[in-house]
Each structure stands twice: as structure tokens, then as C-alpha cells.
N, C-alpha and C. Protein backbone atom coordinates (compact mmCIF):
# COMPACT_ATOMS: atom_id res chain seq x y z
N UNK A 1 -1.16 19.43 -4.18
CA UNK A 1 -1.20 18.72 -5.10
C UNK A 1 -1.86 17.25 -4.80
N UNK A 2 -2.70 16.71 -5.54
CA UNK A 2 -3.49 15.72 -5.31
C UNK A 2 -2.83 14.45 -6.30
N UNK A 3 -2.85 13.01 -6.12
CA UNK A 3 -2.23 12.59 -6.97
C UNK A 3 -3.30 11.05 -7.24
N UNK A 4 -4.04 10.80 -8.58
CA UNK A 4 -4.68 10.00 -8.66
C UNK A 4 -3.98 8.44 -9.45
N UNK A 5 -3.73 7.53 -8.97
CA UNK A 5 -3.48 6.79 -9.79
C UNK A 5 -4.21 6.25 -11.21
N UNK A 6 -3.39 5.56 -12.12
CA UNK A 6 -4.16 5.50 -13.24
C UNK A 6 -4.61 3.88 -13.08
N UNK A 7 -5.70 3.16 -13.98
CA UNK A 7 -6.14 1.91 -14.08
C UNK A 7 -6.41 1.24 -12.85
N UNK A 8 -5.77 0.04 -12.75
CA UNK A 8 -6.04 -0.52 -11.78
C UNK A 8 -4.97 -0.41 -10.35
N UNK A 9 -4.19 0.52 -10.53
CA UNK A 9 -3.03 0.97 -9.18
C UNK A 9 -3.70 1.69 -7.98
N UNK A 10 -2.88 1.25 -6.86
CA UNK A 10 -3.57 1.53 -5.62
C UNK A 10 -1.83 2.50 -5.04
N UNK A 11 -2.40 3.69 -4.76
CA UNK A 11 -0.98 4.28 -3.95
C UNK A 11 -1.48 3.81 -2.39
N UNK A 12 -0.16 3.61 -1.49
CA UNK A 12 -0.22 3.26 -0.40
C UNK A 12 0.75 3.92 0.60
N UNK A 13 0.47 3.87 2.03
CA UNK A 13 1.61 4.75 2.39
C UNK A 13 1.81 3.53 3.60
N UNK A 14 3.47 2.72 3.81
CA UNK A 14 3.69 2.04 4.36
C UNK A 14 3.47 2.30 6.03
N UNK A 15 2.77 1.71 6.94
CA UNK A 15 2.81 1.88 8.35
C UNK A 15 4.23 1.91 8.85
N UNK A 16 4.66 2.62 10.04
CA UNK A 16 5.81 2.89 10.81
C UNK A 16 6.24 1.51 10.92
N UNK A 17 7.83 1.45 11.31
CA UNK A 17 8.40 0.16 11.70
C UNK A 17 8.12 -0.32 13.20
N UNK A 18 8.52 -1.11 13.95
CA UNK A 18 8.38 -0.81 15.36
C UNK A 18 9.81 -0.68 16.06
N UNK A 19 9.98 0.29 16.60
CA UNK A 19 11.36 0.68 17.14
C UNK A 19 11.70 0.23 18.28
N UNK A 20 10.63 -0.23 19.38
CA UNK A 20 11.10 -0.94 20.50
C UNK A 20 10.10 -2.51 20.39
N UNK A 21 10.80 -3.42 20.92
CA UNK A 21 10.45 -4.86 21.07
C UNK A 21 9.29 -4.88 22.26
N UNK A 22 8.70 -5.97 22.41
CA UNK A 22 7.46 -6.55 23.00
C UNK A 22 8.34 -5.92 24.47
N UNK A 23 9.40 -6.36 24.74
CA UNK A 23 10.12 -6.46 26.27
C UNK A 23 10.38 -4.77 26.38
N UNK A 24 10.56 -3.89 25.40
CA UNK A 24 10.89 -2.65 25.98
C UNK A 24 12.24 -2.41 25.22
N UNK A 25 12.95 -3.41 24.31
CA UNK A 25 14.42 -2.71 24.09
C UNK A 25 14.00 -1.94 22.77
N UNK A 26 14.86 -1.22 22.62
CA UNK A 26 14.95 -0.40 21.64
C UNK A 26 15.80 -1.24 20.58
N UNK A 27 15.23 -1.29 19.40
CA UNK A 27 15.53 -2.10 18.21
C UNK A 27 16.27 -1.05 17.16
N UNK A 28 17.47 -1.28 16.91
CA UNK A 28 18.16 -0.97 15.31
C UNK A 28 17.36 -0.72 14.55
N UNK A 29 17.65 0.19 13.55
CA UNK A 29 17.04 -0.39 11.74
C UNK A 29 17.31 -1.44 11.28
N UNK A 30 18.57 -2.06 11.33
CA UNK A 30 18.66 -3.16 10.89
C UNK A 30 17.99 -4.24 11.22
N UNK A 31 17.67 -4.69 12.58
CA UNK A 31 16.90 -5.58 13.32
C UNK A 31 15.44 -5.29 12.76
N UNK A 32 15.17 -4.32 12.67
CA UNK A 32 13.41 -3.53 12.38
C UNK A 32 13.20 -4.52 11.23
N UNK A 33 12.20 -5.12 10.96
CA UNK A 33 11.19 -6.02 9.74
C UNK A 33 11.35 -5.19 8.98
N UNK A 34 10.84 -5.40 7.83
CA UNK A 34 10.02 -4.87 6.52
C UNK A 34 8.81 -4.49 6.99
N UNK A 35 7.68 -3.30 7.01
CA UNK A 35 6.89 -3.31 7.46
C UNK A 35 5.96 -4.08 6.15
N UNK A 36 5.27 -4.78 6.41
CA UNK A 36 4.11 -5.43 5.31
C UNK A 36 2.55 -4.66 5.14
N UNK A 37 2.47 -3.78 6.17
CA UNK A 37 1.32 -3.56 6.22
C UNK A 37 1.37 -1.60 5.85
N UNK A 38 -0.14 -1.33 5.23
CA UNK A 38 0.04 -0.12 4.52
C UNK A 38 -1.52 0.48 4.68
N UNK A 39 -1.56 1.92 4.91
CA UNK A 39 -3.03 2.41 4.45
C UNK A 39 -3.22 2.71 3.28
N UNK A 40 -4.39 2.64 2.68
CA UNK A 40 -4.61 2.79 1.07
C UNK A 40 -4.78 4.62 0.97
N UNK A 41 -3.98 5.29 0.03
CA UNK A 41 -4.40 6.69 0.24
C UNK A 41 -5.08 7.01 -0.95
N UNK A 42 -4.99 6.25 -2.48
CA UNK A 42 -5.60 6.68 -3.30
C UNK A 42 -5.89 5.55 -4.04
N UNK A 43 -6.92 5.43 -4.91
CA UNK A 43 -6.88 4.34 -6.12
C UNK A 43 -7.21 4.62 -7.30
N UNK A 44 -6.98 4.07 -8.41
CA UNK A 44 -7.38 4.26 -9.44
C UNK A 44 -8.61 4.02 -10.10
N UNK A 45 -9.34 4.08 -10.71
CA UNK A 45 -10.75 3.93 -11.26
C UNK A 45 -11.18 2.49 -11.68
N UNK A 46 -9.93 1.74 -11.70
CA UNK A 46 -10.14 0.23 -12.42
C UNK A 46 -9.38 -0.19 -13.85
N UNK A 47 -9.70 -1.20 -14.12
CA UNK A 47 -9.07 -1.74 -15.33
C UNK A 47 -10.17 -2.37 -16.31
N UNK A 48 -10.12 -2.01 -17.17
CA UNK A 48 -11.48 -2.70 -18.37
C UNK A 48 -10.97 -3.94 -18.76
N UNK A 49 -12.06 -4.92 -18.74
CA UNK A 49 -12.39 -6.42 -19.12
C UNK A 49 -11.84 -6.02 -20.71
N UNK A 50 -12.13 -7.45 -21.02
CA UNK A 50 -11.69 -7.92 -22.89
C UNK A 50 -13.46 -7.17 -23.52
N UNK A 51 -14.55 -7.02 -22.66
CA UNK A 51 -15.46 -6.75 -23.13
C UNK A 51 -15.77 -5.03 -22.95
N UNK A 52 -14.80 -4.51 -22.59
CA UNK A 52 -14.64 -3.04 -22.37
C UNK A 52 -15.30 -2.70 -21.29
N UNK A 53 -16.03 -3.26 -20.24
CA UNK A 53 -16.40 -3.36 -19.09
C UNK A 53 -15.18 -2.82 -17.99
N UNK A 54 -15.84 -1.66 -16.89
CA UNK A 54 -14.91 -1.63 -16.04
C UNK A 54 -14.81 -2.50 -14.80
N UNK A 55 -13.77 -3.05 -14.22
CA UNK A 55 -13.76 -3.86 -13.13
C UNK A 55 -13.57 -3.24 -12.11
N UNK A 56 -14.37 -2.99 -10.62
CA UNK A 56 -14.21 -2.19 -10.01
C UNK A 56 -13.09 -2.86 -8.98
N UNK A 57 -12.67 -1.74 -8.19
CA UNK A 57 -11.08 -2.04 -7.45
C UNK A 57 -11.75 -2.55 -6.19
N UNK A 58 -10.77 -3.73 -5.31
CA UNK A 58 -11.24 -4.78 -4.18
C UNK A 58 -10.82 -3.64 -2.92
N UNK A 59 -10.11 -2.42 -3.06
CA UNK A 59 -9.77 -1.97 -1.81
C UNK A 59 -10.78 -0.26 -1.92
N UNK A 60 -10.58 0.28 -0.83
CA UNK A 60 -10.85 1.35 -1.07
C UNK A 60 -9.87 2.32 0.08
N UNK A 61 -10.07 3.91 -0.12
CA UNK A 61 -9.13 4.78 0.34
C UNK A 61 -9.39 4.92 2.18
N UNK A 62 -8.41 4.32 2.92
CA UNK A 62 -8.76 4.37 4.11
C UNK A 62 -8.36 2.81 4.73
N UNK A 63 -8.45 1.85 4.02
CA UNK A 63 -7.99 0.81 4.29
C UNK A 63 -6.72 0.21 4.36
N UNK A 64 -6.51 -0.79 5.27
CA UNK A 64 -5.39 -1.07 5.76
C UNK A 64 -5.33 -2.53 5.16
N UNK A 65 -4.04 -2.66 4.39
CA UNK A 65 -3.93 -3.68 3.33
C UNK A 65 -2.43 -4.32 4.07
N UNK A 66 -2.48 -5.70 3.44
CA UNK A 66 -1.51 -6.29 3.40
C UNK A 66 -0.42 -6.44 1.92
N UNK A 67 0.56 -6.23 2.21
CA UNK A 67 1.41 -6.12 0.98
C UNK A 67 2.41 -7.07 0.64
N UNK A 68 2.80 -7.28 -0.49
CA UNK A 68 3.81 -8.62 -0.83
C UNK A 68 5.28 -8.11 -0.31
N UNK A 69 6.19 -8.73 0.13
CA UNK A 69 7.26 -8.32 0.77
C UNK A 69 8.23 -7.59 -0.64
N UNK A 70 8.09 -8.12 -1.84
CA UNK A 70 8.73 -7.21 -2.64
C UNK A 70 7.85 -6.89 -3.73
N UNK A 71 8.15 -6.08 -4.57
CA UNK A 71 7.45 -5.36 -5.18
C UNK A 71 6.86 -3.92 -5.15
N UNK A 72 6.54 -3.60 -6.00
CA UNK A 72 5.87 -1.86 -5.99
C UNK A 72 6.74 -0.99 -6.14
N UNK A 73 6.16 0.20 -6.84
CA UNK A 73 7.22 1.49 -7.30
C UNK A 73 6.83 2.48 -6.32
N UNK A 74 8.34 2.89 -5.90
CA UNK A 74 8.25 3.73 -4.89
C UNK A 74 8.03 5.19 -5.43
N UNK A 75 7.63 6.01 -5.11
CA UNK A 75 7.31 7.15 -5.15
C UNK A 75 7.03 8.16 -4.31
N UNK A 76 7.75 9.72 -4.70
CA UNK A 76 8.12 10.37 -3.29
C UNK A 76 7.18 11.84 -3.71
N UNK A 77 6.00 12.23 -2.97
CA UNK A 77 5.21 13.12 -2.97
C UNK A 77 5.38 13.90 -1.82
N UNK A 78 5.64 15.33 -1.91
CA UNK A 78 5.47 16.07 -0.92
C UNK A 78 6.53 15.72 0.24
N UNK A 79 7.76 15.19 -0.17
CA UNK A 79 8.58 14.89 0.96
C UNK A 79 7.81 13.33 1.78
N UNK A 80 6.98 13.12 1.31
CA UNK A 80 6.49 11.74 1.73
C UNK A 80 6.92 10.48 0.66
N UNK A 81 7.30 9.10 1.38
CA UNK A 81 7.57 8.12 0.77
C UNK A 81 5.96 7.10 0.50
N UNK A 82 5.65 7.05 -0.63
CA UNK A 82 4.46 6.19 -0.72
C UNK A 82 4.93 5.30 -2.14
N UNK A 83 3.89 3.95 -2.16
CA UNK A 83 4.46 2.88 -2.72
C UNK A 83 3.08 2.75 -3.65
N UNK A 84 3.48 2.36 -5.18
CA UNK A 84 2.00 2.14 -6.22
C UNK A 84 2.13 0.66 -6.39
N UNK A 85 1.09 0.13 -6.30
CA UNK A 85 0.80 -1.35 -6.54
C UNK A 85 -0.35 -1.56 -7.45
N UNK A 86 -0.26 -2.92 -8.01
CA UNK A 86 -1.32 -2.94 -8.71
C UNK A 86 -2.88 -3.92 -7.80
N UNK A 87 -3.87 -3.75 -7.88
CA UNK A 87 -4.62 -4.14 -7.14
C UNK A 87 -4.74 -5.29 -7.18
N UNK A 88 -4.35 -6.22 -8.17
CA UNK A 88 -4.08 -7.82 -7.81
C UNK A 88 -3.07 -8.07 -7.29
N UNK A 89 -2.21 -7.14 -6.93
CA UNK A 89 -0.70 -7.55 -5.94
C UNK A 89 -0.86 -7.37 -4.75
N UNK A 90 -1.97 -6.74 -3.72
CA UNK A 90 -2.26 -6.67 -2.87
C UNK A 90 -2.77 -8.06 -2.38
N UNK A 91 -2.17 -8.49 -1.11
CA UNK A 91 -2.61 -9.90 -0.80
C UNK A 91 -4.00 -9.82 -0.02
N UNK A 92 -4.21 -8.95 0.55
CA UNK A 92 -5.36 -8.79 1.29
C UNK A 92 -5.62 -7.40 2.08
N UNK A 93 -6.87 -7.54 2.96
CA UNK A 93 -6.91 -6.34 3.60
C UNK A 93 -7.37 -6.65 4.92
N UNK A 94 -7.32 -5.82 6.05
CA UNK A 94 -7.55 -5.91 7.50
C UNK A 94 -9.11 -5.31 7.41
N UNK A 95 -10.09 -6.11 8.46
CA UNK A 95 -11.68 -5.78 8.40
C UNK A 95 -11.87 -5.76 9.99
N UNK A 96 -12.50 -5.25 10.50
CA UNK A 96 -12.41 -5.13 11.91
C UNK A 96 -13.77 -6.01 12.64
């Protein structure tokens, strides 16, 4: 089953948390920080402005983005955990 977000929503999958420190010490779950990086899985078509024109999305599928610490809607699809954010809530994207 394929999921397509509506309007200006972006479906992301958070990157895995680091389980080892740089020195090679195993980190318990409570010591692992909240991961703020995610990969864009799906994007909606965009929102319409007051004139009825479609405002394009600022991210594309496959890009790595920086998320706010709080917010988003948790969605479970096919036994995986995803999050929905508005396009405007995404703080930035990583470029090479």
C-alpha cells in the first residue's frame, strides 16, 4: 500500500539513533539523543495560496531534512514508524 500525504504535508522516516559513542562505548536507550534528522519518504502536492495557485513543496522524496525537536504526527505504516510534518515546520535540508 502506498501513502500520499495531503496538501503541504511531508512524510518522513527518522534516521536511527547512535548506539555507540565516538569512543566505542555502548549507549543505553535513555542516553541516546532524539534524532532530528530524517529522510523524506513522500510529499503532498502543496498548498494553495489566496489566489488559488499551487505553492510548490520545498523538499523532495529522498532528501535528508532537519526536524524540530517537538511536533509532527506519528504514523505506523507496514510495521514501520513514520512522522508527518507540514512543509513549513521542516527546519532545513542537507545538501552535498
